[in-house]
Amino acid sequence: MWQLYQFPLCPFSRKVRLLLGEKGIGYDLVRESPWLQRDEFLDMNPAGSTPVMADVERNITLINSQAICEYFEETVEKFPLISGSATNRAEIRRLTAWFDENFYGDVVAPLLHERMRKRIVDRAAPDARTLREAMKRANTHMDYMDYLLDYRNWMGGATMSLADISAAAHISVADYLGGIDWIGHEPTKRWYAGFKSRPSFRPLLSERMEVIAPPSHYEKPDF
């Protein structure tokens, strides 16, 4: 049985969980707080980051969300998420990387640091200037998402893909931490509302990070 080492607000773990849910792959969640740097976890992943996916019986350990997603994309035929022509697949991978690198670095990472890590680990107050900058960048990135969805059914093209899963994972964490202003972003809001209604997404919306409560609209598909 697969085990997924993660914590509730890890966007990369959410990305993997959404893919597993869409493909119908069973697994057990194992809570891992990477900031604790447990020796047992570092033995599995010396980088000390989540997610890590392990099957002890088969002696398989998978590290890095993209590597994990590509592994299951290659080994499970159900619900392909990197499909189409070579050009289409390249676009899906481009956008997946854009969310994992640009959106995460500009928006999700500073929100996690200021509103989660500082509170849980450092016992310090968040920096208001950093939070304002993260929210400003989120607005700019969502302008681009609106543009994409004005011309496409989904982020990466005509069908749902790994790009949508990565986008939803990162946006959900930013939204949980109060970093998203939905006003003026109707295309992205409609897309996200539809995603929130999918069975694969519902378990994520019901989870909570200790001492950090999400906004009142967070769990509602119609918000």
Protein backbone atom coordinates (compact mmCIF):
# COMPACT_ATOMS: atom_id res chain seq x y z
CA MET A 1 0.00 0.00 0.00
CA TRP A 2 1.26 3.44 -0.89
CA GLN A 3 1.94 5.93 1.88
CA LEU A 4 2.10 9.66 1.18
CA TYR A 5 4.18 11.73 3.60
CA GLN A 6 2.76 15.26 3.71
CA PHE A 7 1.26 18.04 5.80
CA PRO A 8 -2.13 19.69 5.16
CA LEU A 9 -0.87 22.92 3.57
CA CYS A 10 1.87 21.45 1.36
CA PRO A 11 0.80 22.49 -2.17
CA PHE A 12 3.04 19.89 -3.81
CA SER A 13 1.47 17.13 -1.72
CA ARG A 14 -1.97 18.44 -2.69
CA LYS A 15 -0.92 18.24 -6.33
CA VAL A 16 -0.05 14.56 -5.89
CA ARG A 17 -3.24 13.85 -3.93
CA LEU A 18 -5.40 15.38 -6.64
CA LEU A 19 -3.74 13.27 -9.32
CA LEU A 20 -4.12 10.12 -7.21
CA GLY A 21 -7.77 10.95 -6.62
CA GLU A 22 -8.50 11.47 -10.32
CA LYS A 23 -6.76 8.20 -11.19
CA GLY A 24 -8.43 6.26 -8.38
CA ILE A 25 -5.19 5.20 -6.68
CA GLY A 26 -5.44 4.19 -3.02
CA TYR A 27 -2.96 5.40 -0.41
CA ASP A 28 -2.58 6.23 3.28
CA LEU A 29 -1.69 9.70 4.50
CA VAL A 30 1.25 10.05 6.87
CA ARG A 31 1.60 13.41 8.61
CA GLU A 32 5.10 14.81 8.16
CA SER A 33 6.22 18.24 9.33
CA PRO A 34 9.40 18.79 7.29
CA TRP A 35 10.58 21.65 9.51
CA LEU A 36 11.15 19.09 12.29
CA GLN A 37 13.83 17.37 10.18
CA ARG A 38 13.19 13.91 11.65
CA ASP A 39 16.07 11.52 11.10
CA GLU A 40 13.73 8.81 9.81
CA PHE A 41 12.29 11.16 7.22
CA LEU A 42 15.70 12.48 6.17
CA ASP A 43 16.76 8.88 5.58
CA MET A 44 13.94 8.66 3.04
CA ASN A 45 14.51 12.09 1.50
CA PRO A 46 17.78 13.85 2.37
CA ALA A 47 16.31 17.09 0.99
CA GLY A 48 13.83 16.99 3.88
CA SER A 49 10.87 18.13 1.78
CA THR A 50 7.39 16.81 1.14
CA PRO A 51 5.84 14.98 -0.60
CA VAL A 52 7.41 11.55 -0.40
CA MET A 53 5.51 8.50 -1.58
CA ALA A 54 6.58 5.06 -0.41
CA ASP A 55 5.52 1.46 -0.87
CA VAL A 56 7.47 -0.50 1.73
CA GLU A 57 6.39 -3.92 0.46
CA ARG A 58 7.77 -3.20 -3.02
CA ASN A 59 10.72 -1.14 -1.73
CA ILE A 60 9.72 1.90 -3.81
CA THR A 61 10.30 5.48 -2.67
CA LEU A 62 9.25 8.38 -4.90
CA ILE A 63 10.39 11.96 -4.19
CA ASN A 64 9.36 15.31 -5.75
CA SER A 65 5.78 16.02 -6.82
CA GLN A 66 6.51 16.14 -10.54
CA ALA A 67 8.46 12.87 -10.45
CA ILE A 68 5.64 11.24 -8.48
CA CYS A 69 2.96 12.52 -10.86
CA GLU A 70 4.90 11.42 -13.93
CA TYR A 71 5.44 7.97 -12.39
CA PHE A 72 1.70 7.40 -12.01
CA GLU A 73 0.98 9.01 -15.37
CA GLU A 74 3.30 6.43 -16.95
CA THR A 75 2.09 3.42 -14.94
CA VAL A 76 -1.68 4.04 -14.61
CA GLU A 77 -3.65 4.44 -17.84
CA LYS A 78 -6.84 5.73 -16.21
CA PHE A 79 -7.56 9.46 -16.67
CA PRO A 80 -4.41 10.60 -18.53
CA LEU A 81 -3.31 14.06 -17.43
CA ILE A 82 -0.38 14.69 -19.78
CA SER A 83 -1.94 13.84 -23.13
CA GLY A 84 -2.45 15.02 -26.69
CA SER A 85 0.18 15.91 -29.25
CA ALA A 86 3.82 16.54 -28.38
CA THR A 87 3.04 20.27 -28.54
CA ASN A 88 0.08 19.88 -26.18
CA ARG A 89 2.12 17.83 -23.72
CA ALA A 90 4.88 20.45 -23.79
CA GLU A 91 2.31 23.16 -22.97
CA ILE A 92 0.94 21.13 -20.06
CA ARG A 93 4.43 20.68 -18.66
CA ARG A 94 5.23 24.37 -19.18
CA LEU A 95 2.21 25.49 -17.20
CA THR A 96 2.73 22.87 -14.51
CA ALA A 97 6.25 24.21 -14.02
CA TRP A 98 4.91 27.78 -14.05
CA PHE A 99 2.60 27.04 -11.12
CA ASP A 100 5.18 24.94 -9.27
CA GLU A 101 7.92 27.53 -9.67
CA ASN A 102 6.55 31.01 -10.39
CA PHE A 103 3.20 30.99 -8.60
CA TYR A 104 4.66 29.05 -5.69
CA GLY A 105 7.72 31.27 -5.37
CA ASP A 106 5.87 34.57 -5.73
CA VAL A 107 2.70 33.77 -3.78
CA VAL A 108 2.46 30.48 -1.91
CA ALA A 109 5.96 30.32 -0.39
CA PRO A 110 5.82 33.78 1.24
CA LEU A 111 2.27 33.14 2.49
CA LEU A 112 3.34 29.84 4.03
CA HIS A 113 6.35 31.45 5.65
CA GLU A 114 4.53 34.43 7.06
CA ARG A 115 1.21 32.87 8.06
CA MET A 116 2.16 29.28 8.86
CA ARG A 117 5.84 28.81 9.63
CA LYS A 118 6.22 32.02 11.63
CA ARG A 119 3.19 31.14 13.72
CA ILE A 120 3.86 27.43 14.27
CA VAL A 121 7.65 27.26 14.26
CA ASP A 122 9.07 30.71 14.96
CA ARG A 123 6.26 32.03 17.19
CA ALA A 124 6.59 35.38 15.43
CA ALA A 125 4.18 37.84 13.85
CA PRO A 126 3.86 37.94 10.06
CA ASP A 127 5.36 40.80 8.08
CA ALA A 128 2.51 42.84 6.62
CA ARG A 129 4.61 44.21 3.77
CA THR A 130 5.58 40.72 2.59
CA LEU A 131 1.94 39.61 2.72
CA ARG A 132 0.78 42.61 0.69
CA GLU A 133 3.43 41.92 -1.94
CA ALA A 134 2.43 38.25 -2.17
CA MET A 135 -1.23 39.20 -2.65
CA LYS A 136 -0.29 41.79 -5.28
CA ARG A 137 1.67 39.16 -7.20
CA ALA A 138 -1.21 36.70 -6.85
CA ASN A 139 -3.46 39.24 -8.56
CA THR A 140 -1.00 39.60 -11.44
CA HIS A 141 -0.71 35.84 -11.88
CA MET A 142 -4.48 35.46 -11.83
CA ASP A 143 -4.74 38.01 -14.65
CA TYR A 144 -2.72 35.53 -16.71
CA MET A 145 -4.96 32.64 -15.63
CA ASP A 146 -8.02 34.66 -16.67
CA TYR A 147 -6.40 35.18 -20.07
CA LEU A 148 -5.76 31.47 -20.49
CA LEU A 149 -9.31 30.54 -19.52
CA ASP A 150 -10.78 33.13 -21.86
CA TYR A 151 -9.45 31.06 -24.75
CA ARG A 152 -9.39 27.52 -23.32
CA ASN A 153 -11.72 25.20 -21.48
CA TRP A 154 -8.92 24.32 -19.05
CA MET A 155 -5.54 25.83 -18.17
CA GLY A 156 -3.59 23.60 -20.51
CA GLY A 157 -6.07 23.23 -23.34
CA ALA A 158 -9.32 21.48 -24.23
CA THR A 159 -9.24 18.87 -21.44
CA MET A 160 -8.26 18.81 -17.79
CA SER A 161 -4.57 18.16 -17.29
CA LEU A 162 -1.77 18.17 -14.76
CA ALA A 163 -1.54 21.94 -15.28
CA ASP A 164 -5.02 22.32 -13.77
CA ILE A 165 -4.16 20.03 -10.88
CA SER A 166 -1.01 21.98 -10.08
CA ALA A 167 -2.87 25.29 -10.36
CA ALA A 168 -5.69 24.11 -8.08
CA ALA A 169 -3.24 22.76 -5.50
CA HIS A 170 -1.31 26.02 -5.21
CA ILE A 171 -4.37 28.27 -5.36
CA SER A 172 -6.11 26.24 -2.65
CA VAL A 173 -3.22 26.81 -0.23
CA ALA A 174 -3.02 30.51 -1.07
CA ASP A 175 -6.79 30.79 -0.61
CA TYR A 176 -6.64 28.95 2.73
CA LEU A 177 -4.08 31.51 3.92
CA GLY A 178 -6.20 34.45 2.79
CA GLY A 179 -3.90 35.45 -0.06
CA ILE A 180 -6.40 35.48 -2.94
CA ASP A 181 -8.69 38.38 -3.86
CA TRP A 182 -11.27 36.87 -6.20
CA ILE A 183 -12.81 40.19 -7.24
CA GLY A 184 -12.26 40.83 -10.93
CA HIS A 185 -11.18 37.29 -11.73
CA GLU A 186 -14.41 35.63 -12.87
CA PRO A 187 -12.87 33.17 -15.38
CA THR A 188 -10.48 31.76 -12.79
CA LYS A 189 -13.16 31.83 -10.10
CA ARG A 190 -15.57 29.79 -12.28
CA TRP A 191 -12.82 27.31 -13.11
CA TYR A 192 -11.83 26.95 -9.44
CA ALA A 193 -15.46 26.60 -8.29
CA GLY A 194 -15.85 23.68 -10.70
CA PHE A 195 -12.62 22.12 -9.46
CA LYS A 196 -13.72 22.43 -5.83
CA SER A 197 -16.79 20.32 -6.67
CA ARG A 198 -14.76 17.36 -7.92
CA PRO A 199 -14.64 14.30 -5.61
CA SER A 200 -10.82 14.36 -5.68
CA PHE A 201 -10.83 17.87 -4.19
CA ARG A 202 -13.35 17.50 -1.37
CA PRO A 203 -10.98 15.81 1.14
CA LEU A 204 -8.53 18.70 0.83
CA LEU A 205 -11.17 21.29 1.64
CA SER A 206 -12.20 19.55 4.85
CA GLU A 207 -8.67 19.44 6.30
CA ARG A 208 -7.35 22.07 8.67
CA MET A 209 -3.87 23.12 9.76
CA GLU A 210 -3.56 23.48 13.51
CA VAL A 211 -4.13 27.00 14.88
CA ILE A 212 -4.69 28.40 11.36
CA ALA A 213 -8.30 28.82 10.21
CA PRO A 214 -9.20 29.48 6.55
CA PRO A 215 -11.60 32.20 5.35
CA SER A 216 -15.32 31.43 5.55
CA HIS A 217 -15.62 30.92 1.78
CA TYR A 218 -12.74 28.43 1.58
CA GLU A 219 -14.75 25.21 1.71
CA LYS A 220 -17.71 26.37 -0.36
CA PRO A 221 -17.74 25.30 -4.04
CA ASP A 222 -20.12 28.18 -4.75
CA PHE A 223 -18.34 31.20 -3.28
